[in-house]
């Protein structure tokens, strides 16, 4: 089949050349003429690649991780080892805010980015084949979001940076041409082209994320780079591939720009991401579910559960209601419902149209913050006043007022781990996690940040450190040692 297609194009171009020569025009002149759409397409792609590449950076991160080598094989398991990672990123604001993947900078102690273009004082080479690289700049991790696998960096270049606009990925359609930019396998300033294979790919049934699937070649090192439309707008952030060989097999995935914008805006503003909910369990209607329940439609969204006394319950929604639209937008499946709900600001009401039996109804529901979100405490603290340097955390003491908004804790006092700074004097047992509540240091209760700092300061170098913490509603002892 490939040969027959090739033969067809060969005959077409041969016939075109023969006709041009018969008309007294050279073959080369005919191909270079204004009517040659292939040449115009090539020029457009070249122009777009040059424009976009100026906004793509290479990300270098270094940090430390626990070795996972088998103890019996090499006895290196559990040892702290230095870890280096490289990836890509895209400039989204002229003042130096950059988006990349969280997995590119996770556990990093030091992050740098290299611009793909030379600043004016360096002499921009324009369309040079051997392209001069730009400056390497120190980058600060402003915030990360593990659920979406996104991170926001900030650099100070001293000059305005060329930023790319974010498109509305809701308007993206299967079959649209897209280009993937980045630094695959360390090969800087690379670009590949393909189409959108799917606009709403869910990898696993319980996956909280949806992705854009593309056949534009993506390889390790492309992570964090932009997936760009023919208009030069970012429609997604390249994140991972499915591969049996380890290289690109034409099945790549990008985080939709609608999710990127929400995460980017929140991290720029607050340093972290808030997630909203209305207290429902939304399920996609399948033909089997529709047949079993006798539903008139075999697609859409049905509520499997409504949390008692939650926002949806208070607004009158009930299990079994079929969601028709969210703020006027038709809902086709549960993942679309959750993603669109995720984009609604907290404490804002959302309009929900639903079907109960044969009756169409409407409710106005308040979006509340998800209770299990460990980042919800960060707005209550100031890092400069709340950091516990010895443990590498930002903490907040439990007070009577805080207890009113907290899930019930095992004790009425303690220090909540609101964030991690990445720099701790202690390690071991995986360390502290967001949302942990510290109750004691070596058996001595700690109710305030000052008490926690004082207990840690009183330890000698050889003293053990055992923290009693509450994690996921369970008490445990956490043994740490000095690095």
Protein backbone atom coordinates (compact mmCIF):
# COMPACT_ATOMS: atom_id res chain seq x y z
CA UNK A 1 0.00 0.00 0.00
CA UNK A 2 2.79 2.41 0.82
CA UNK A 3 4.41 1.75 -2.55
CA UNK A 4 1.20 2.45 -4.45
CA UNK A 5 0.76 5.78 -2.63
CA UNK A 6 4.37 6.71 -3.32
CA UNK A 7 3.93 5.78 -6.94
CA UNK A 8 0.81 7.92 -7.16
CA UNK A 9 2.56 11.02 -5.81
CA UNK A 10 5.57 10.35 -8.03
CA UNK A 11 3.34 10.25 -11.11
CA UNK A 12 1.52 13.42 -10.06
CA UNK A 13 4.74 15.36 -9.56
CA UNK A 14 6.26 13.90 -12.75
CA UNK A 15 3.20 14.92 -14.72
CA UNK A 16 3.30 18.38 -13.18
CA UNK A 17 6.97 18.73 -14.11
CA UNK A 18 6.35 17.52 -17.67
CA UNK A 19 3.52 19.98 -18.12
CA UNK A 20 5.63 22.84 -16.80
CA UNK A 21 8.52 22.00 -19.12
CA UNK A 22 6.14 21.74 -22.08
CA UNK A 23 4.87 25.21 -21.24
CA UNK A 24 8.42 26.51 -21.42
CA UNK A 25 8.87 26.77 -17.63
CA UNK A 26 11.53 24.86 -15.75
CA UNK A 27 10.53 22.12 -13.31
CA UNK A 28 12.18 23.94 -10.37
CA UNK A 29 10.46 27.19 -11.24
CA UNK A 30 7.09 25.45 -11.33
CA UNK A 31 7.57 23.93 -7.89
CA UNK A 32 8.71 27.25 -6.45
CA UNK A 33 5.74 29.13 -7.85
CA UNK A 34 3.09 30.85 -5.72
CA UNK A 35 0.61 28.06 -6.37
CA UNK A 36 2.74 25.38 -4.71
CA UNK A 37 0.78 24.66 -1.53
CA UNK A 38 3.39 22.18 -0.29
CA UNK A 39 6.07 24.88 -0.25
CA UNK A 40 3.67 27.26 1.47
CA UNK A 41 2.95 24.60 4.10
CA UNK A 42 6.68 24.08 4.67
CA UNK A 43 7.23 27.82 5.06
CA UNK A 44 4.37 28.06 7.56
CA UNK A 45 5.70 25.20 9.66
CA UNK A 46 9.20 26.68 9.63
CA UNK A 47 7.90 30.09 10.69
CA UNK A 48 5.77 28.62 13.46
CA UNK A 49 8.63 26.45 14.76
CA UNK A 50 10.96 29.46 14.89
CA UNK A 51 8.38 31.52 16.76
CA UNK A 52 7.46 28.84 19.29
CA UNK A 53 10.99 27.58 19.98
CA UNK A 54 11.92 30.95 21.52
CA UNK A 55 9.45 30.23 24.33
CA UNK A 56 10.63 26.66 25.05
CA UNK A 57 13.30 26.08 27.70
CA UNK A 58 15.37 23.14 28.85
CA UNK A 59 15.03 22.33 32.56
CA UNK A 60 17.84 20.87 34.68
CA UNK A 61 17.14 19.72 38.24
CA UNK A 62 19.31 18.05 40.86
CA UNK A 63 18.24 16.49 44.12
CA UNK A 64 18.54 13.43 46.29
CA UNK A 65 16.64 10.17 46.38
CA UNK A 66 16.75 6.83 48.18
CA UNK A 67 18.52 4.08 46.24
CA UNK A 68 16.25 1.13 45.44
CA UNK A 69 18.96 -1.40 44.66
CA UNK A 70 18.42 -4.81 46.15
CA UNK A 71 20.18 -5.27 49.46
CA UNK A 72 21.19 -8.84 48.66
CA UNK A 73 22.61 -7.82 45.29
CA UNK A 74 24.51 -4.68 46.15
CA UNK A 75 23.64 -3.57 49.69
CA UNK A 76 22.96 -0.05 48.38
CA UNK A 77 19.23 -0.02 49.11
CA UNK A 78 18.17 2.91 51.27
CA UNK A 79 21.27 4.99 50.56
CA UNK A 80 20.79 8.65 49.67
CA UNK A 81 21.97 9.16 46.10
CA UNK A 82 22.26 12.25 43.96
CA UNK A 83 19.66 12.44 41.22
CA UNK A 84 19.73 14.57 38.07
CA UNK A 85 16.80 15.10 35.73
CA UNK A 86 16.26 17.04 32.54
CA UNK A 87 13.11 18.02 30.78
CA UNK A 88 11.41 20.87 29.02
CA UNK A 89 9.28 23.84 29.93
CA UNK A 90 7.38 26.67 28.28
CA UNK A 91 7.37 30.39 29.13
CA UNK A 92 3.81 31.54 29.81
CA UNK A 93 4.47 35.10 30.97
CA UNK A 94 6.94 37.80 29.96
CA UNK A 95 8.02 38.25 33.60
CA UNK A 96 9.52 34.76 33.72
CA UNK A 97 6.87 32.26 34.88
CA UNK A 98 7.43 28.83 33.31
CA UNK A 99 5.34 25.66 33.35
CA UNK A 100 6.88 22.19 33.34
CA UNK A 101 5.99 18.74 34.70
CA UNK A 102 6.19 18.07 38.41
CA UNK A 103 8.10 14.84 37.76
CA UNK A 104 10.87 16.88 36.12
CA UNK A 105 11.56 18.90 39.30
CA UNK A 106 10.23 16.64 42.07
CA UNK A 107 12.61 16.23 45.04
CA UNK A 108 14.89 18.87 43.49
CA UNK A 109 17.24 21.00 45.54
CA UNK A 110 18.54 23.01 42.60
CA UNK A 111 16.72 23.93 39.38
CA UNK A 112 18.08 25.78 36.35
CA UNK A 113 16.63 26.53 32.95
CA UNK A 114 18.34 27.30 29.68
CA UNK A 115 16.68 29.68 27.28
CA UNK A 116 16.38 28.56 23.69
CA UNK A 117 17.21 32.01 22.39
CA UNK A 118 20.06 34.44 22.86
CA UNK A 119 19.20 37.70 24.61
CA UNK A 120 19.81 40.88 22.57
CA UNK A 121 23.12 41.58 24.27
CA UNK A 122 24.31 38.10 23.26
CA UNK A 123 23.45 38.62 19.61
CA UNK A 124 20.39 36.67 18.48
CA UNK A 125 21.49 34.51 15.53
CA UNK A 126 17.99 34.44 14.04
CA UNK A 127 17.71 31.49 11.66
CA UNK A 128 21.23 30.19 12.24
CA UNK A 129 21.50 26.44 11.60
CA UNK A 130 24.02 26.07 14.44
CA UNK A 131 21.80 27.97 16.81
CA UNK A 132 23.37 29.85 19.71
CA UNK A 133 21.81 28.85 23.01
CA UNK A 134 20.57 31.38 25.51
CA UNK A 135 21.53 31.96 29.10
CA UNK A 136 21.30 29.37 31.84
CA UNK A 137 19.26 30.91 34.66
CA UNK A 138 18.61 29.88 38.24
CA UNK A 139 14.96 28.95 38.70
CA UNK A 140 12.75 29.00 41.77
CA UNK A 141 10.01 26.39 42.14
CA UNK A 142 6.95 28.50 42.93
CA UNK A 143 4.68 25.53 43.43
CA UNK A 144 3.84 22.00 42.29
CA UNK A 145 0.66 20.02 41.78
CA UNK A 146 1.12 16.26 41.98
CA UNK A 147 -2.40 15.39 40.86
CA UNK A 148 -2.00 17.10 37.48
CA UNK A 149 1.81 16.56 37.36
CA UNK A 150 2.46 20.27 36.80
CA UNK A 151 4.98 22.68 38.33
CA UNK A 152 5.49 26.42 37.98
CA UNK A 153 9.00 27.91 37.93
CA UNK A 154 10.15 31.54 38.04
CA UNK A 155 13.30 33.01 36.51
CA UNK A 156 14.69 36.53 36.38
CA UNK A 157 16.16 37.10 32.92
CA UNK A 158 16.51 40.87 33.21
CA UNK A 159 14.53 41.31 29.97
CA UNK A 160 10.95 40.48 28.97
CA UNK A 161 10.71 36.87 27.80
CA UNK A 162 8.76 35.64 24.76
CA UNK A 163 5.64 34.01 26.20
CA UNK A 164 3.16 31.73 24.45
CA UNK A 165 -0.61 32.06 24.91
CA UNK A 166 -2.72 29.22 26.26
CA UNK A 167 -5.48 28.00 23.95
CA UNK A 168 -8.88 26.73 25.07
CA UNK A 169 -8.42 22.96 24.89
CA UNK A 170 -12.20 22.54 25.10
CA UNK A 171 -12.29 23.64 21.45
CA UNK A 172 -9.66 21.09 20.38
CA UNK A 173 -10.91 18.44 17.95
CA UNK A 174 -9.70 15.01 16.89
CA UNK A 175 -7.59 15.21 13.74
CA UNK A 176 -6.25 18.74 14.28
CA UNK A 177 -2.58 19.24 13.41
CA UNK A 178 -0.32 19.84 16.42
CA UNK A 179 3.41 20.21 17.03
CA UNK A 180 5.36 18.91 20.05
CA UNK A 181 8.31 21.01 21.22
CA UNK A 182 11.03 20.16 23.72
CA UNK A 183 14.38 18.54 24.29
CA UNK A 184 13.95 14.78 23.69
CA UNK A 185 16.88 12.74 24.98
CA UNK A 186 18.73 16.03 25.52
CA UNK A 187 18.48 17.03 21.85
CA UNK A 188 17.71 20.72 22.28
CA UNK A 189 15.20 22.74 20.31
CA UNK A 190 13.45 19.76 18.74
CA UNK A 191 10.04 19.80 17.11
CA UNK A 192 7.81 17.02 15.80
CA UNK A 193 4.45 17.18 14.07
CA UNK A 194 1.32 15.04 14.18
CA UNK A 195 -2.39 15.18 14.86
CA UNK A 196 -4.69 14.99 17.86
CA UNK A 197 -5.54 11.29 18.22
CA UNK A 198 -8.06 11.85 21.03
CA UNK A 199 -9.21 14.93 22.92
CA UNK A 200 -10.26 13.31 26.19
CA UNK A 201 -8.23 10.20 26.88
CA UNK A 202 -8.59 8.60 30.30
CA UNK A 203 -5.75 6.17 31.04
CA UNK A 204 -7.49 4.26 33.85
CA UNK A 205 -11.15 4.21 34.91
CA UNK A 206 -10.34 5.77 38.29
CA UNK A 207 -7.76 8.26 36.94
CA UNK A 208 -8.65 11.81 38.09
CA UNK A 209 -7.02 13.23 34.95
CA UNK A 210 -7.84 13.33 31.25
CA UNK A 211 -5.25 13.84 28.52
CA UNK A 212 -4.87 14.84 24.91
CA UNK A 213 -3.53 11.87 22.94
CA UNK A 214 -1.28 12.69 19.98
CA UNK A 215 0.83 10.81 17.46
CA UNK A 216 3.36 13.66 17.31
CA UNK A 217 6.59 11.88 18.37
CA UNK A 218 7.32 12.45 22.08
CA UNK A 219 10.32 10.96 23.88
CA UNK A 220 11.96 11.24 27.33
CA UNK A 221 13.09 14.85 27.69
CA UNK A 222 9.96 16.22 26.00
CA UNK A 223 8.22 16.22 29.39
CA UNK A 224 7.03 19.71 30.25
CA UNK A 225 7.30 21.01 26.70
CA UNK A 226 4.30 22.48 24.88
CA UNK A 227 1.94 20.81 22.45
CA UNK A 228 1.08 23.66 20.08
CA UNK A 229 -1.76 24.26 17.63
CA UNK A 230 -1.38 25.57 14.09
CA UNK A 231 -2.21 29.02 15.54
CA UNK A 232 0.90 28.94 17.74
CA UNK A 233 -1.07 28.52 20.97
CA UNK A 234 -0.36 25.97 23.72
CA UNK A 235 -3.09 23.34 23.74
CA UNK A 236 -1.31 21.05 26.21
CA UNK A 237 1.85 20.15 28.14
CA UNK A 238 3.61 16.97 26.97
CA UNK A 239 3.71 14.55 29.89
CA UNK A 240 4.23 10.87 29.08
CA UNK A 241 4.12 8.16 26.42
CA UNK A 242 2.90 4.58 26.20
CA UNK A 243 5.71 2.49 24.76
CA UNK A 244 6.90 -1.09 24.65
CA UNK A 245 10.33 -0.08 23.41
CA UNK A 246 10.99 2.95 25.64
CA UNK A 247 10.88 5.28 22.63
CA UNK A 248 8.06 7.00 20.81
CA UNK A 249 5.50 4.69 19.25
CA UNK A 250 3.08 7.43 18.33
CA UNK A 251 1.07 7.26 21.56
CA UNK A 252 1.89 10.41 23.52
CA UNK A 253 -0.16 12.33 26.06
CA UNK A 254 -0.41 15.98 27.02
CA UNK A 255 -2.20 17.76 29.86
CA UNK A 256 -5.01 19.88 28.34
CA UNK A 257 -4.42 23.64 28.43
CA UNK A 258 -7.69 24.19 30.32
CA UNK A 259 -6.22 22.29 33.27
CA UNK A 260 -2.81 23.94 32.80
CA UNK A 261 -4.36 27.43 32.99
CA UNK A 262 -6.25 26.63 36.18
CA UNK A 263 -3.15 25.20 37.90
CA UNK A 264 -0.85 27.95 36.57
CA UNK A 265 -3.13 30.78 37.72
CA UNK A 266 -3.61 29.30 41.20
CA UNK A 267 0.07 28.57 41.80
CA UNK A 268 1.05 32.08 40.64
CA UNK A 269 -1.46 33.55 43.07
CA UNK A 270 -1.26 31.24 46.10
CA UNK A 271 1.74 28.97 45.52
CA UNK A 272 -0.48 25.89 45.47
CA UNK A 273 -3.75 24.54 44.08
CA UNK A 274 -7.17 24.47 45.69
CA UNK A 275 -9.63 21.85 44.50
CA UNK A 276 -13.35 22.23 44.73
CA UNK A 277 -16.14 19.73 45.15
CA UNK A 278 -19.90 19.76 45.62
CA UNK A 279 -20.21 16.50 47.56
CA UNK A 280 -21.26 14.01 44.87
CA UNK A 281 -19.99 10.82 43.28
CA UNK A 282 -20.44 11.25 39.53
CA UNK A 283 -20.45 8.18 37.25
CA UNK A 284 -20.49 7.85 33.47
CA UNK A 285 -23.64 6.24 32.12
CA UNK A 286 -22.80 3.13 30.08
CA UNK A 287 -25.16 1.06 27.92
CA UNK A 288 -25.06 -1.70 30.55
CA UNK A 289 -25.86 0.71 33.39
CA UNK A 290 -28.65 2.31 31.35
CA UNK A 291 -30.16 -1.09 30.56
CA UNK A 292 -30.01 -2.24 34.18
CA UNK A 293 -31.60 0.94 35.53
CA UNK A 294 -34.05 1.36 32.68
CA UNK A 295 -32.66 4.76 31.64
CA UNK A 296 -33.78 6.37 28.41
CA UNK A 297 -30.21 7.41 27.49
CA UNK A 298 -27.06 5.28 27.47
CA UNK A 299 -24.57 8.16 27.87
CA UNK A 300 -24.10 11.09 30.20
CA UNK A 301 -23.58 11.49 33.94
CA UNK A 302 -25.51 9.97 36.84
CA UNK A 303 -25.01 10.69 40.53
CA UNK A 304 -24.08 7.50 42.38
CA UNK A 305 -24.01 9.26 45.74
CA UNK A 306 -24.67 12.63 47.34
CA UNK A 307 -22.84 13.41 50.59
CA UNK A 308 -25.28 14.11 53.43
CA UNK A 309 -25.26 17.80 54.43
CA UNK A 310 -22.86 18.57 51.57
CA UNK A 311 -23.34 21.42 49.08
CA UNK A 312 -25.20 19.27 46.53
CA UNK A 313 -27.43 17.74 49.22
CA UNK A 314 -28.29 21.19 50.56
CA UNK A 315 -29.15 22.29 47.01
CA UNK A 316 -31.60 19.39 46.59
CA UNK A 317 -29.66 16.91 44.44
CA UNK A 318 -30.20 13.19 45.08
CA UNK A 319 -28.55 9.89 44.10
CA UNK A 320 -29.87 8.76 40.73
CA UNK A 321 -30.19 12.28 39.31
CA UNK A 322 -28.86 12.54 35.75
CA UNK A 323 -26.68 15.61 35.14
CA UNK A 324 -27.56 17.35 31.89
CA UNK A 325 -25.43 20.51 32.01
CA UNK A 326 -22.96 22.39 34.18
CA UNK A 327 -23.24 26.18 33.85
CA UNK A 328 -25.08 25.62 30.58
CA UNK A 329 -22.50 23.23 29.11
CA UNK A 330 -23.81 19.73 28.27
CA UNK A 331 -22.08 16.95 30.21
CA UNK A 332 -21.20 13.78 28.27
CA UNK A 333 -19.36 11.76 30.94
CA UNK A 334 -18.24 11.88 34.56
CA UNK A 335 -14.66 12.90 33.76
CA UNK A 336 -15.85 15.94 31.79
CA UNK A 337 -18.11 16.85 34.71
CA UNK A 338 -15.26 16.62 37.23
CA UNK A 339 -12.79 18.55 35.06
CA UNK A 340 -15.24 21.38 34.44
CA UNK A 341 -16.21 21.49 38.10
CA UNK A 342 -12.51 21.60 39.01
CA UNK A 343 -12.19 24.87 37.07
CA UNK A 344 -14.88 26.68 39.11
CA UNK A 345 -13.45 29.00 41.82
CA UNK A 346 -14.14 28.08 45.44
CA UNK A 347 -17.16 29.63 47.14
CA UNK A 348 -18.73 30.34 43.75
CA UNK A 349 -22.11 28.89 42.85
CA UNK A 350 -22.47 26.65 39.83
CA UNK A 351 -25.69 26.02 37.94
CA UNK A 352 -26.57 22.36 37.43
CA UNK A 353 -29.34 21.14 35.16
CA UNK A 354 -30.46 17.62 35.91
CA UNK A 355 -33.10 15.04 35.14
CA UNK A 356 -35.07 13.30 37.88
CA UNK A 357 -37.34 10.72 36.36
CA UNK A 358 -38.95 12.61 33.49
CA UNK A 359 -38.68 16.02 35.17
CA UNK A 360 -36.01 18.52 34.15
CA UNK A 361 -34.79 20.53 37.14
CA UNK A 362 -32.12 23.08 37.99
CA UNK A 363 -30.07 23.72 41.14
CA UNK A 364 -27.52 26.32 42.24
CA UNK A 365 -24.71 24.62 44.17
CA UNK A 366 -21.85 26.19 46.14
CA UNK A 367 -18.38 24.86 45.31
CA UNK A 368 -16.51 23.98 48.53
CA UNK A 369 -12.87 23.10 49.05
CA UNK A 370 -12.05 19.42 48.98
CA UNK A 371 -11.47 18.30 52.56
CA UNK A 372 -8.71 15.82 51.81
CA UNK A 373 -6.57 18.43 50.03
CA UNK A 374 -3.39 18.76 52.17
CA UNK A 375 -2.60 22.15 50.61
CA UNK A 376 -5.71 23.77 52.12
CA UNK A 377 -3.70 24.84 55.19
CA UNK A 378 -1.17 26.94 53.31
CA UNK A 379 -3.33 30.06 53.17
CA UNK A 380 -3.32 30.09 56.98
CA UNK A 381 0.45 30.38 57.37
CA UNK A 382 3.32 32.65 56.47
CA UNK A 383 6.35 30.54 55.47
CA UNK A 384 8.80 33.05 56.91
CA UNK A 385 7.18 32.70 60.37
CA UNK A 386 6.03 29.09 60.24
CA UNK A 387 9.06 27.19 58.94
CA UNK A 388 10.59 24.48 61.11
CA UNK A 389 14.02 24.38 59.48
CA UNK A 390 15.25 21.23 61.25
CA UNK A 391 12.42 19.15 59.74
CA UNK A 392 12.20 21.05 56.45
CA UNK A 393 8.50 21.83 56.89
CA UNK A 394 6.09 24.71 57.14
CA UNK A 395 3.78 24.01 60.07
CA UNK A 396 0.64 25.35 61.68
CA UNK A 397 -0.42 24.77 65.28
CA UNK A 398 -3.90 23.41 65.94
CA UNK A 399 -6.09 26.04 67.65
CA UNK A 400 -9.76 26.04 68.67
CA UNK A 401 -10.65 28.06 65.57
CA UNK A 402 -8.70 25.72 63.29
CA UNK A 403 -10.37 22.68 64.84
CA UNK A 404 -13.72 23.93 63.50
CA UNK A 405 -12.59 23.52 59.87
CA UNK A 406 -10.39 20.43 60.36
CA UNK A 407 -11.41 16.82 60.02
CA UNK A 408 -11.57 15.36 63.53
CA UNK A 409 -8.05 14.74 64.86
CA UNK A 410 -7.07 12.21 67.53
CA UNK A 411 -5.83 14.94 69.88
CA UNK A 412 -6.86 18.58 70.38
CA UNK A 413 -3.32 19.89 69.92
CA UNK A 414 -0.32 19.40 67.64
CA UNK A 415 1.42 20.87 64.59
CA UNK A 416 0.10 20.19 61.09
CA UNK A 417 2.57 19.77 58.23
CA UNK A 418 1.24 22.36 55.76
CA UNK A 419 4.16 22.22 53.30
CA UNK A 420 7.69 20.90 52.84
CA UNK A 421 10.64 23.15 52.07
CA UNK A 422 12.78 20.37 50.59
CA UNK A 423 15.65 21.02 53.00
CA UNK A 424 15.67 18.97 56.21
CA UNK A 425 18.38 18.05 58.70
CA UNK A 426 16.70 14.67 59.19
CA UNK A 427 15.72 11.74 56.98
CA UNK A 428 14.30 8.26 57.34
CA UNK A 429 11.07 6.24 56.97
CA UNK A 430 10.02 8.36 54.02
CA UNK A 431 9.91 11.54 56.10
CA UNK A 432 6.96 13.72 56.96
CA UNK A 433 4.08 14.11 54.52
CA UNK A 434 1.61 16.90 53.86
CA UNK A 435 -1.29 16.74 56.30
CA UNK A 436 0.66 14.86 59.00
CA UNK A 437 -0.05 16.07 62.55
CA UNK A 438 2.98 16.06 64.89
CA UNK A 439 1.98 15.36 68.50
CA UNK A 440 5.27 14.74 70.29
CA UNK A 441 9.09 14.74 70.03
CA UNK A 442 10.71 11.80 71.83
CA UNK A 443 7.60 11.46 73.98
CA UNK A 444 7.31 15.15 74.91
CA UNK A 445 4.04 16.73 73.66
CA UNK A 446 4.31 19.74 71.32
CA UNK A 447 1.34 22.06 70.94
CA UNK A 448 2.95 25.04 69.24
CA UNK A 449 5.59 25.78 66.63
CA UNK A 450 7.85 27.30 69.28
CA UNK A 451 7.54 24.15 71.41
CA UNK A 452 8.39 21.96 68.40
CA UNK A 453 11.44 24.07 67.53
CA UNK A 454 12.63 24.09 71.15
CA UNK A 455 12.32 20.30 71.46
CA UNK A 456 14.34 19.80 68.28
CA UNK A 457 16.94 22.39 69.28
CA UNK A 458 17.51 20.57 72.55
CA UNK A 459 18.58 17.37 70.83
CA UNK A 460 22.24 16.49 70.62
CA UNK A 461 23.82 15.13 67.44
CA UNK A 462 23.79 11.53 68.71
CA UNK A 463 20.24 11.67 70.09
CA UNK A 464 17.52 9.71 68.30
CA UNK A 465 14.48 11.56 66.98
CA UNK A 466 11.09 9.87 67.23
CA UNK A 467 7.98 11.81 66.29
CA UNK A 468 4.47 10.70 67.12
CA UNK A 469 2.32 11.70 64.17
CA UNK A 470 -1.20 11.19 62.94
CA UNK A 471 -1.42 10.20 59.27
CA UNK A 472 -4.70 9.42 57.52
CA UNK A 473 -6.45 9.12 60.86
CA UNK A 474 -3.92 6.66 62.33
CA UNK A 475 -1.24 7.26 64.95
CA UNK A 476 2.32 6.15 64.25
CA UNK A 477 5.88 6.68 65.49
CA UNK A 478 8.26 8.10 62.88
CA UNK A 479 11.98 7.53 63.44
CA UNK A 480 14.30 10.08 61.82
CA UNK A 481 18.05 10.53 61.85
CA UNK A 482 20.39 13.41 61.07
CA UNK A 483 21.72 13.53 57.52
